[in-house]
PDB file of N, CA and C in Angstrom:
ATOM      1  N   MET A   1       0.830  -1.197   0.000  1.00  0.00           N
ATOM      2  CA  MET A   1       0.000   0.000   0.000  1.00  0.00           C
ATOM      3  C   MET A   1       0.866   1.249   0.000  1.00  0.00           C
ATOM      4  N   LYS A   2       1.990   1.208   0.691  1.00  0.00           N
ATOM      5  CA  LYS A   2       2.867   2.371   0.761  1.00  0.00           C
ATOM      6  C   LYS A   2       3.401   2.749  -0.618  1.00  0.00           C
ATOM      7  N   GLY A   3       3.740   1.744  -1.431  1.00  0.00           N
ATOM      8  CA  GLY A   3       4.246   1.989  -2.775  1.00  0.00           C
ATOM      9  C   GLY A   3       3.221   2.683  -3.658  1.00  0.00           C
ATOM     10  N   ARG A   4       1.961   2.276  -3.547  1.00  0.00           N
ATOM     11  CA  ARG A   4       0.903   2.904  -4.343  1.00  0.00           C
ATOM     12  C   ARG A   4       0.720   4.361  -3.961  1.00  0.00           C
ATOM     13  N   LEU A   5       0.768   4.625  -2.667  1.00  0.00           N
ATOM     14  CA  LEU A   5       0.613   6.009  -2.225  1.00  0.00           C
ATOM     15  C   LEU A   5       1.798   6.863  -2.663  1.00  0.00           C
ATOM     16  N   LEU A   6       2.998   6.295  -2.627  1.00  0.00           N
ATOM     17  CA  LEU A   6       4.162   7.035  -3.110  1.00  0.00           C
ATOM     18  C   LEU A   6       4.044   7.322  -4.606  1.00  0.00           C
ATOM     19  N   ALA A   7       3.556   6.349  -5.361  1.00  0.00           N
ATOM     20  CA  ALA A   7       3.345   6.553  -6.795  1.00  0.00           C
ATOM     21  C   ALA A   7       2.302   7.643  -7.026  1.00  0.00           C
ATOM     22  N   ALA A   8       1.225   7.616  -6.264  1.00  0.00           N
ATOM     23  CA  ALA A   8       0.189   8.645  -6.396  1.00  0.00           C
ATOM     24  C   ALA A   8       0.756  10.028  -6.068  1.00  0.00           C
ATOM     25  N   LEU A   9       1.598  10.107  -5.062  1.00  0.00           N
ATOM     26  CA  LEU A   9       2.243  11.387  -4.731  1.00  0.00           C
ATOM     27  C   LEU A   9       3.178  11.832  -5.851  1.00  0.00           C
ATOM     28  N   GLY A  10       3.876  10.889  -6.462  1.00  0.00           N
ATOM     29  CA  GLY A  10       4.747  11.219  -7.591  1.00  0.00           C
ATOM     30  C   GLY A  10       3.945  11.752  -8.775  1.00  0.00           C
ATOM     31  N   PHE A  11       2.811  11.110  -9.085  1.00  0.00           N
ATOM     32  CA  PHE A  11       1.956  11.592 -10.167  1.00  0.00           C
ATOM     33  C   PHE A  11       1.419  12.988  -9.850  1.00  0.00           C
ATOM     34  N   THR A  12       1.088  13.219  -8.587  1.00  0.00           N
ATOM     35  CA  THR A  12       0.599  14.541  -8.183  1.00  0.00           C
ATOM     36  C   THR A  12       1.700  15.582  -8.332  1.00  0.00           C
ATOM     37  N   ALA A  13       2.923  15.223  -8.001  1.00  0.00           N
ATOM     38  CA  ALA A  13       4.044  16.155  -8.164  1.00  0.00           C
ATOM     39  C   ALA A  13       4.256  16.505  -9.636  1.00  0.00           C
ATOM     40  N   ILE A  14       4.132  15.521 -10.515  1.00  0.00           N
ATOM     41  CA  ILE A  14       4.261  15.798 -11.952  1.00  0.00           C
ATOM     42  C   ILE A  14       3.130  16.729 -12.404  1.00  0.00           C
ATOM     43  N   ALA A  15       1.914  16.485 -11.907  1.00  0.00           N
ATOM     44  CA  ALA A  15       0.781  17.356 -12.245  1.00  0.00           C
ATOM     45  C   ALA A  15       1.048  18.788 -11.787  1.00  0.00           C
ATOM     46  N   LEU A  16       1.595  18.948 -10.596  1.00  0.00           N
ATOM     47  CA  LEU A  16       1.908  20.295 -10.098  1.00  0.00           C
ATOM     48  C   LEU A  16       2.973  20.968 -10.952  1.00  0.00           C
ATOM     49  N   PHE A  17       3.942  20.210 -11.426  1.00  0.00           N
ATOM     50  CA  PHE A  17       4.957  20.752 -12.328  1.00  0.00           C
ATOM     51  C   PHE A  17       4.302  21.243 -13.619  1.00  0.00           C
ATOM     52  N   GLN A  18       3.359  20.462 -14.143  1.00  0.00           N
ATOM     53  CA  GLN A  18       2.646  20.872 -15.349  1.00  0.00           C
ATOM     54  C   GLN A  18       1.789  22.110 -15.096  1.00  0.00           C
ATOM     55  N   VAL A  19       1.234  22.232 -13.890  1.00  0.00           N
ATOM     56  CA  VAL A  19       0.461  23.426 -13.519  1.00  0.00           C
ATOM     57  C   VAL A  19       1.340  24.667 -13.606  1.00  0.00           C
ATOM     58  N   VAL A  20       2.576  24.546 -13.187  1.00  0.00           N
ATOM     59  CA  VAL A  20       3.513  25.673 -13.235  1.00  0.00           C
ATOM     60  C   VAL A  20       3.915  25.991 -14.679  1.00  0.00           C
ATOM     61  N   LEU A  21       4.060  24.958 -15.504  1.00  0.00           N
ATOM     62  CA  LEU A  21       4.462  25.165 -16.895  1.00  0.00           C
ATOM     63  C   LEU A  21       3.363  25.804 -17.733  1.00  0.00           C
ATOM     64  N   ALA A  22       2.112  25.459 -17.488  1.00  0.00           N
ATOM     65  CA  ALA A  22       1.000  25.904 -18.333  1.00  0.00           C
ATOM     66  C   ALA A  22       0.893  27.428 -18.457  1.00  0.00           C
ATOM     67  N   PRO A  23       1.059  28.198 -17.391  1.00  0.00           N
ATOM     68  CA  PRO A  23       0.968  29.657 -17.556  1.00  0.00           C
ATOM     69  C   PRO A  23       2.242  30.299 -18.108  1.00  0.00           C
ATOM     70  N   GLY A  24       3.321  29.536 -18.235  1.00  0.00           N
ATOM     71  CA  GLY A  24       4.519  30.084 -18.858  1.00  0.00           C
ATOM     72  C   GLY A  24       5.728  30.237 -17.965  1.00  0.00           C
ATOM     73  N   ALA A  25       5.842  29.438 -16.926  1.00  0.00           N
ATOM     74  CA  ALA A  25       7.034  29.500 -16.075  1.00  0.00           C
ATOM     75  C   ALA A  25       8.266  29.107 -16.896  1.00  0.00           C
ATOM     76  N   PRO A  26       9.407  29.733 -16.631  1.00  0.00           N
ATOM     77  CA  PRO A  26      10.615  29.464 -17.424  1.00  0.00           C
ATOM     78  C   PRO A  26      11.319  28.156 -17.040  1.00  0.00           C
ATOM     79  N   LEU A  27      10.567  27.070 -17.049  1.00  0.00           N
ATOM     80  CA  LEU A  27      11.113  25.759 -16.707  1.00  0.00           C
ATOM     81  C   LEU A  27      11.013  24.789 -17.876  1.00  0.00           C
ATOM     82  N   GLY A  28      10.838  25.323 -19.078  1.00  0.00           N
ATOM     83  CA  GLY A  28      10.639  24.493 -20.252  1.00  0.00           C
ATOM     84  C   GLY A  28      11.808  23.579 -20.577  1.00  0.00           C
ATOM     85  N   ARG A  29      12.998  23.911 -20.135  1.00  0.00           N
ATOM     86  CA  ARG A  29      14.163  23.048 -20.408  1.00  0.00           C
ATOM     87  C   ARG A  29      14.032  21.694 -19.714  1.00  0.00           C
ATOM     88  N   ALA A  30      13.150  21.623 -18.706  1.00  0.00           N
ATOM     89  CA  ALA A  30      12.964  20.369 -17.965  1.00  0.00           C
ATOM     90  C   ALA A  30      11.743  19.591 -18.446  1.00  0.00           C
ATOM     91  N   ALA A  31      11.121  20.037 -19.551  1.00  0.00           N
ATOM     92  CA  ALA A  31       9.889  19.376 -20.004  1.00  0.00           C
ATOM     93  C   ALA A  31       9.770  19.408 -21.522  1.00  0.00           C
ATOM     94  N   TRP A  32       8.974  18.489 -22.042  1.00  0.00           N
ATOM     95  CA  TRP A  32       8.625  18.457 -23.458  1.00  0.00           C
ATOM     96  C   TRP A  32       9.851  18.513 -24.365  1.00  0.00           C
ATOM     97  N   GLY A  33      10.865  17.768 -24.025  1.00  0.00           N
ATOM     98  CA  GLY A  33      12.057  17.675 -24.860  1.00  0.00           C
ATOM     99  C   GLY A  33      13.112  18.722 -24.566  1.00  0.00           C
ATOM    100  N   GLY A  34      12.802  19.707 -23.746  1.00  0.00           N
ATOM    101  CA  GLY A  34      13.788  20.702 -23.326  1.00  0.00           C
ATOM    102  C   GLY A  34      14.198  21.707 -24.374  1.00  0.00           C
ATOM    103  N   GLY A  35      13.415  21.875 -25.425  1.00  0.00           N
ATOM    104  CA  GLY A  35      13.795  22.775 -26.509  1.00  0.00           C
ATOM    105  C   GLY A  35      13.476  24.234 -26.282  1.00  0.00           C
ATOM    106  N   HIS A  36      12.753  24.558 -25.229  1.00  0.00           N
ATOM    107  CA  HIS A  36      12.326  25.942 -24.990  1.00  0.00           C
ATOM    108  C   HIS A  36      12.495  26.295 -23.518  1.00  0.00           C
ATOM    109  N   GLU A  37      12.970  27.500 -23.264  1.00  0.00           N
ATOM    110  CA  GLU A  37      13.027  27.986 -21.879  1.00  0.00           C
ATOM    111  C   GLU A  37      11.607  28.222 -21.362  1.00  0.00           C
ATOM    112  N   VAL A  38      10.810  28.955 -22.134  1.00  0.00           N
ATOM    113  CA  VAL A  38       9.388  29.155 -21.850  1.00  0.00           C
ATOM    114  C   VAL A  38       8.636  28.436 -22.964  1.00  0.00           C
ATOM    115  N   LEU A  39       7.704  27.603 -22.595  1.00  0.00           N
ATOM    116  CA  LEU A  39       6.998  26.798 -23.588  1.00  0.00           C
ATOM    117  C   LEU A  39       6.145  27.659 -24.516  1.00  0.00           C
ATOM    118  N   PRO A  40       6.088  27.291 -25.809  1.00  0.00           N
ATOM    119  CA  PRO A  40       5.172  27.977 -26.714  1.00  0.00           C
ATOM    120  C   PRO A  40       3.721  27.627 -26.364  1.00  0.00           C
ATOM    121  N   ALA A  41       2.798  28.356 -26.942  1.00  0.00           N
ATOM    122  CA  ALA A  41       1.378  28.203 -26.595  1.00  0.00           C
ATOM    123  C   ALA A  41       0.884  26.763 -26.759  1.00  0.00           C
ATOM    124  N   SER A  42       1.311  26.083 -27.803  1.00  0.00           N
ATOM    125  CA  SER A  42       0.832  24.713 -28.019  1.00  0.00           C
ATOM    126  C   SER A  42       1.284  23.773 -26.906  1.00  0.00           C
ATOM    127  N   LEU A  43       2.524  23.904 -26.466  1.00  0.00           N
ATOM    128  CA  LEU A  43       3.014  23.042 -25.385  1.00  0.00           C
ATOM    129  C   LEU A  43       2.449  23.466 -24.033  1.00  0.00           C
ATOM    130  N   ARG A  44       2.158  24.740 -23.878  1.00  0.00           N
ATOM    131  CA  ARG A  44       1.497  25.185 -22.640  1.00  0.00           C
ATOM    132  C   ARG A  44       0.097  24.596 -22.550  1.00  0.00           C
ATOM    133  N   ALA A  45      -0.599  24.534 -23.697  1.00  0.00           N
ATOM    134  CA  ALA A  45      -1.922  23.901 -23.722  1.00  0.00           C
ATOM    135  C   ALA A  45      -1.796  22.411 -23.425  1.00  0.00           C
ATOM    136  N   ALA A  46      -0.760  21.776 -23.969  1.00  0.00           N
ATOM    137  CA  ALA A  46      -0.533  20.362 -23.698  1.00  0.00           C
ATOM    138  C   ALA A  46      -0.249  20.140 -22.207  1.00  0.00           C
ATOM    139  N   SER A  47       0.453  21.065 -21.591  1.00  0.00           N
ATOM    140  CA  SER A  47       0.709  20.952 -20.150  1.00  0.00           C
ATOM    141  C   SER A  47      -0.590  21.051 -19.364  1.00  0.00           C
ATOM    142  N   ALA A  48      -1.484  21.915 -19.801  1.00  0.00           N
ATOM    143  CA  ALA A  48      -2.775  22.042 -19.119  1.00  0.00           C
ATOM    144  C   ALA A  48      -3.567  20.739 -19.212  1.00  0.00           C
ATOM    145  N   VAL A  49      -3.543  20.093 -20.369  1.00  0.00           N
ATOM    146  CA  VAL A  49      -4.215  18.803 -20.532  1.00  0.00           C
ATOM    147  C   VAL A  49      -3.508  17.740 -19.689  1.00  0.00           C
ATOM    148  N   ALA A  50      -2.179  17.802 -19.652  1.00  0.00           N
ATOM    149  CA  ALA A  50      -1.404  16.824 -18.895  1.00  0.00           C
ATOM    150  C   ALA A  50      -1.735  16.870 -17.402  1.00  0.00           C
ATOM    151  N   VAL A  51      -2.101  18.047 -16.898  1.00  0.00           N
ATOM    152  CA  VAL A  51      -2.483  18.153 -15.484  1.00  0.00           C
ATOM    153  C   VAL A  51      -3.633  17.195 -15.186  1.00  0.00           C
ATOM    154  N   ALA A  52      -4.655  17.217 -16.038  1.00  0.00           N
ATOM    155  CA  ALA A  52      -5.814  16.347 -15.816  1.00  0.00           C
ATOM    156  C   ALA A  52      -5.420  14.871 -15.913  1.00  0.00           C
ATOM    157  N   ILE A  53      -4.575  14.548 -16.875  1.00  0.00           N
ATOM    158  CA  ILE A  53      -4.159  13.152 -17.054  1.00  0.00           C
ATOM    159  C   ILE A  53      -3.367  12.658 -15.844  1.00  0.00           C
ATOM    160  N   TRP A  54      -2.408  13.463 -15.371  1.00  0.00           N
ATOM    161  CA  TRP A  54      -1.593  13.043 -14.225  1.00  0.00           C
ATOM    162  C   TRP A  54      -2.416  12.970 -12.945  1.00  0.00           C
ATOM    163  N   LEU A  55      -3.370  13.887 -12.772  1.00  0.00           N
ATOM    164  CA  LEU A  55      -4.219  13.819 -11.578  1.00  0.00           C
ATOM    165  C   LEU A  55      -5.125  12.589 -11.621  1.00  0.00           C
ATOM    166  N   PHE A  56      -5.619  12.248 -12.817  1.00  0.00           N
ATOM    167  CA  PHE A  56      -6.413  11.030 -12.952  1.00  0.00           C
ATOM    168  C   PHE A  56      -5.559   9.807 -12.605  1.00  0.00           C
ATOM    169  N   ALA A  57      -4.323   9.778 -13.087  1.00  0.00           N
ATOM    170  CA  ALA A  57      -3.423   8.673 -12.761  1.00  0.00           C
ATOM    171  C   ALA A  57      -3.194   8.590 -11.256  1.00  0.00           C
ATOM    172  N   ALA A  58      -3.051   9.737 -10.610  1.00  0.00           N
ATOM    173  CA  ALA A  58      -2.856   9.746  -9.153  1.00  0.00           C
ATOM    174  C   ALA A  58      -4.093   9.205  -8.437  1.00  0.00           C
ATOM    175  N   LEU A  59      -5.271   9.616  -8.887  1.00  0.00           N
ATOM    176  CA  LEU A  59      -6.498   9.124  -8.259  1.00  0.00           C
ATOM    177  C   LEU A  59      -6.665   7.624  -8.434  1.00  0.00           C
ATOM    178  N   VAL A  60      -6.426   7.136  -9.642  1.00  0.00           N
ATOM    179  CA  VAL A  60      -6.560   5.705  -9.912  1.00  0.00           C
ATOM    180  C   VAL A  60      -5.574   4.915  -9.062  1.00  0.00           C
ATOM    181  N   THR A  61      -4.351   5.399  -8.975  1.00  0.00           N
ATOM    182  CA  THR A  61      -3.327   4.706  -8.192  1.00  0.00           C
ATOM    183  C   THR A  61      -3.660   4.737  -6.708  1.00  0.00           C
ATOM    184  N   ALA A  62      -4.080   5.890  -6.202  1.00  0.00           N
ATOM    185  CA  ALA A  62      -4.427   5.995  -4.784  1.00  0.00           C
ATOM    186  C   ALA A  62      -5.648   5.144  -4.461  1.00  0.00           C
ATOM    187  N   ARG A  63      -6.607   5.079  -5.381  1.00  0.00           N
ATOM    188  CA  ARG A  63      -7.825   4.283  -5.165  1.00  0.00           C
ATOM    189  C   ARG A  63      -7.489   2.811  -4.981  1.00  0.00           C
ATOM    190  N   ALA A  64      -6.437   2.361  -5.635  1.00  0.00           N
ATOM    191  CA  ALA A  64      -6.044   0.955  -5.519  1.00  0.00           C
ATOM    192  C   ALA A  64      -5.587   0.625  -4.102  1.00  0.00           C
ATOM    193  N   GLY A  65      -5.086   1.611  -3.372  1.00  0.00           N
ATOM    194  CA  GLY A  65      -4.583   1.338  -2.038  1.00  0.00           C
ATOM    195  C   GLY A  65      -5.381   1.965  -0.918  1.00  0.00           C
ATOM    196  N   VAL A  66      -6.247   2.920  -1.267  1.00  0.00           N
ATOM    197  CA  VAL A  66      -7.008   3.630  -0.248  1.00  0.00           C
ATOM    198  C   VAL A  66      -8.473   3.642  -0.650  1.00  0.00           C
ATOM    199  N   PRO A  67      -9.302   2.823  -0.022  1.00  0.00           N
ATOM    200  CA  PRO A  67     -10.688   2.723  -0.451  1.00  0.00           C
ATOM    201  C   PRO A  67     -11.530   3.977  -0.217  1.00  0.00           C
ATOM    202  N   VAL A  68     -11.012   4.991   0.464  1.00  0.00           N
ATOM    203  CA  VAL A  68     -11.800   6.203   0.714  1.00  0.00           C
ATOM    204  C   VAL A  68     -11.735   7.198  -0.433  1.00  0.00           C
ATOM    205  N   VAL A  69     -10.883   6.951  -1.434  1.00  0.00           N
ATOM    206  CA  VAL A  69     -10.824   7.830  -2.593  1.00  0.00           C
ATOM    207  C   VAL A  69     -12.137   7.691  -3.351  1.00  0.00           C
ATOM    208  N   PRO A  70     -12.848   8.813  -3.582  1.00  0.00           N
ATOM    209  CA  PRO A  70     -14.186   8.745  -4.189  1.00  0.00           C
ATOM    210  C   PRO A  70     -14.147   8.461  -5.687  1.00  0.00           C
ATOM    211  N   LEU A  71     -13.853   7.236  -6.024  1.00  0.00           N
ATOM    212  CA  LEU A  71     -13.768   6.829  -7.422  1.00  0.00           C
ATOM    213  C   LEU A  71     -14.447   5.470  -7.533  1.00  0.00           C
ATOM    214  N   PRO A  72     -15.456   5.352  -8.406  1.00  0.00           N
ATOM    215  CA  PRO A  72     -16.123   4.046  -8.547  1.00  0.00           C
ATOM    216  C   PRO A  72     -15.144   2.957  -8.959  1.00  0.00           C
ATOM    217  N   SER A  73     -15.405   1.750  -8.540  1.00  0.00           N
ATOM    218  CA  SER A  73     -14.511   0.631  -8.826  1.00  0.00           C
ATOM    219  C   SER A  73     -14.287   0.427 -10.315  1.00  0.00           C
ATOM    220  N   VAL A  74     -15.343   0.560 -11.116  1.00  0.00           N
ATOM    221  CA  VAL A  74     -15.196   0.337 -12.550  1.00  0.00           C
ATOM    222  C   VAL A  74     -14.283   1.394 -13.174  1.00  0.00           C
ATOM    223  N   VAL A  75     -14.357   2.627 -12.696  1.00  0.00           N
ATOM    224  CA  VAL A  75     -13.473   3.688 -13.199  1.00  0.00           C
ATOM    225  C   VAL A  75     -12.037   3.398 -12.793  1.00  0.00           C
ATOM    226  N   ALA A  76     -11.847   2.940 -11.564  1.00  0.00           N
ATOM    227  CA  ALA A  76     -10.499   2.614 -11.095  1.00  0.00           C
ATOM    228  C   ALA A  76      -9.914   1.458 -11.896  1.00  0.00           C
ATOM    229  N   GLU A  77     -10.741   0.444 -12.186  1.00  0.00           N
ATOM    230  CA  GLU A  77     -10.245  -0.713 -12.935  1.00  0.00           C
ATOM    231  C   GLU A  77      -9.872  -0.318 -14.370  1.00  0.00           C
ATOM    232  N   TRP A  78     -10.774   0.334 -15.071  1.00  0.00           N
ATOM    233  CA  TRP A  78     -10.490   0.748 -16.448  1.00  0.00           C
ATOM    234  C   TRP A  78      -9.392   1.803 -16.485  1.00  0.00           C
ATOM    235  N   GLY A  79      -9.379   2.683 -15.496  1.00  0.00           N
ATOM    236  CA  GLY A  79      -8.334   3.700 -15.433  1.00  0.00           C
ATOM    237  C   GLY A  79      -6.959   3.104 -15.238  1.00  0.00           C
ATOM    238  N   THR A  80      -6.885   2.028 -14.468  1.00  0.00           N
ATOM    239  CA  THR A  80      -5.610   1.348 -14.274  1.00  0.00           C
ATOM    240  C   THR A  80      -5.103   0.788 -15.597  1.00  0.00           C
ATOM    241  N   TRP A  81      -5.990   0.146 -16.362  1.00  0.00           N
ATOM    242  CA  TRP A  81      -5.574  -0.404 -17.654  1.00  0.00           C
ATOM    243  C   TRP A  81      -5.228   0.702 -18.638  1.00  0.00           C
ATOM    244  N   LEU A  82      -5.949   1.806 -18.586  1.00  0.00           N
ATOM    245  CA  LEU A  82      -5.626   2.948 -19.441  1.00  0.00           C
ATOM    246  C   LEU A  82      -4.237   3.485 -19.098  1.00  0.00           C
ATOM    247  N   ARG A  83      -3.955   3.579 -17.803  1.00  0.00           N
ATOM    248  CA  ARG A  83      -2.642   4.055 -17.359  1.00  0.00           C
ATOM    249  C   ARG A  83      -1.534   3.107 -17.811  1.00  0.00           C
ATOM    250  N   VAL A  84      -1.780   1.812 -17.747  1.00  0.00           N
ATOM    251  CA  VAL A  84      -0.799   0.832 -18.209  1.00  0.00           C
ATOM    252  C   VAL A  84      -0.539   1.017 -19.704  1.00  0.00           C
ATOM    253  N   GLY A  85      -1.609   1.164 -20.474  1.00  0.00           N
ATOM    254  CA  GLY A  85      -1.460   1.346 -21.920  1.00  0.00           C
ATOM    255  C   GLY A  85      -0.712   2.621 -22.266  1.00  0.00           C
ATOM    256  N   LEU A  86      -1.049   3.719 -21.593  1.00  0.00           N
ATOM    257  CA  LEU A  86      -0.368   4.986 -21.840  1.00  0.00           C
ATOM    258  C   LEU A  86       1.101   4.915 -21.428  1.00  0.00           C
ATOM    259  N   SER A  87       1.381   4.205 -20.362  1.00  0.00           N
ATOM    260  CA  SER A  87       2.768   4.038 -19.947  1.00  0.00           C
ATOM    261  C   SER A  87       3.559   3.258 -20.996  1.00  0.00           C
ATOM    262  N   ALA A  88       2.946   2.221 -21.529  1.00  0.00           N
ATOM    263  CA  ALA A  88       3.616   1.438 -22.585  1.00  0.00           C
ATOM    264  C   ALA A  88       3.871   2.295 -23.822  1.00  0.00           C
ATOM    265  N   LEU A  89       2.885   3.107 -24.209  1.00  0.00           N
ATOM    266  CA  LEU A  89       3.079   4.012 -25.343  1.00  0.00           C
ATOM    267  C   LEU A  89       4.194   5.016 -25.066  1.00  0.00           C
ATOM    268  N   GLY A  90       4.265   5.480 -23.823  1.00  0.00           N
ATOM    269  CA  GLY A  90       5.335   6.408 -23.464  1.00  0.00           C
ATOM    270  C   GLY A  90       6.713   5.789 -23.581  1.00  0.00           C
ATOM    271  N   VAL A  91       6.828   4.526 -23.206  1.00  0.00           N
ATOM    272  CA  VAL A  91       8.106   3.823 -23.332  1.00  0.00           C
ATOM    273  C   VAL A  91       8.474   3.678 -24.796  1.00  0.00           C
ATOM    274  N   ILE A  92       7.499   3.275 -25.606  1.00  0.00           N
ATOM    275  CA  ILE A  92       7.755   3.118 -27.044  1.00  0.00           C
ATOM    276  C   ILE A  92       8.156   4.456 -27.665  1.00  0.00           C
ATOM    277  N   ALA A  93       7.454   5.526 -27.313  1.00  0.00           N
ATOM    278  CA  ALA A  93       7.766   6.843 -27.882  1.00  0.00           C
ATOM    279  C   ALA A  93       9.146   7.328 -27.454  1.00  0.00           C
ATOM    280  N   SER A  94       9.545   7.019 -26.230  1.00  0.00           N
ATOM    281  CA  SER A  94      10.851   7.485 -25.767  1.00  0.00           C
ATOM    282  C   SER A  94      11.996   6.693 -26.392  1.00  0.00           C
ATOM    283  N   CYS A  95      11.706   5.514 -26.901  1.00  0.00           N
ATOM    284  CA  CYS A  95      12.744   4.698 -27.517  1.00  0.00           C
ATOM    285  C   CYS A  95      12.921   4.974 -29.003  1.00  0.00           C
ATOM    286  N   SER A  96      11.950   5.630 -29.620  1.00  0.00           N
ATOM    287  CA  SER A  96      12.051   5.886 -31.063  1.00  0.00           C
ATOM    288  C   SER A  96      12.970   7.083 -31.326  1.00  0.00           C
ATOM    289  N   PRO A  97      13.707   7.041 -32.448  1.00  0.00           N
ATOM    290  CA  PRO A  97      14.674   8.115 -32.735  1.00  0.00           C
ATOM    291  C   PRO A  97      14.019   9.426 -33.110  1.00  0.00           C
TER     292      PRO A  97
END
């Protein structure tokens, strides 16, 4: 259970980082390939969308270990598989030239 909560906290930390990037904080070198000091509008919009995705991942992960998280079981189950699939796609994308 401790590992799941740590993972959920990690996902929340990534979401908070994206929250800072979306309005234009000069931390772009640490995100989205590092090509910009301040992200352009398209990547800032992507960061805003990423906030929702990372928070959903945190909720799904926390729900697996903490039954008080207000998320229906079916959403948690499908969300877990969605997270697995997205993680696999992320690995594939990071390995391509």
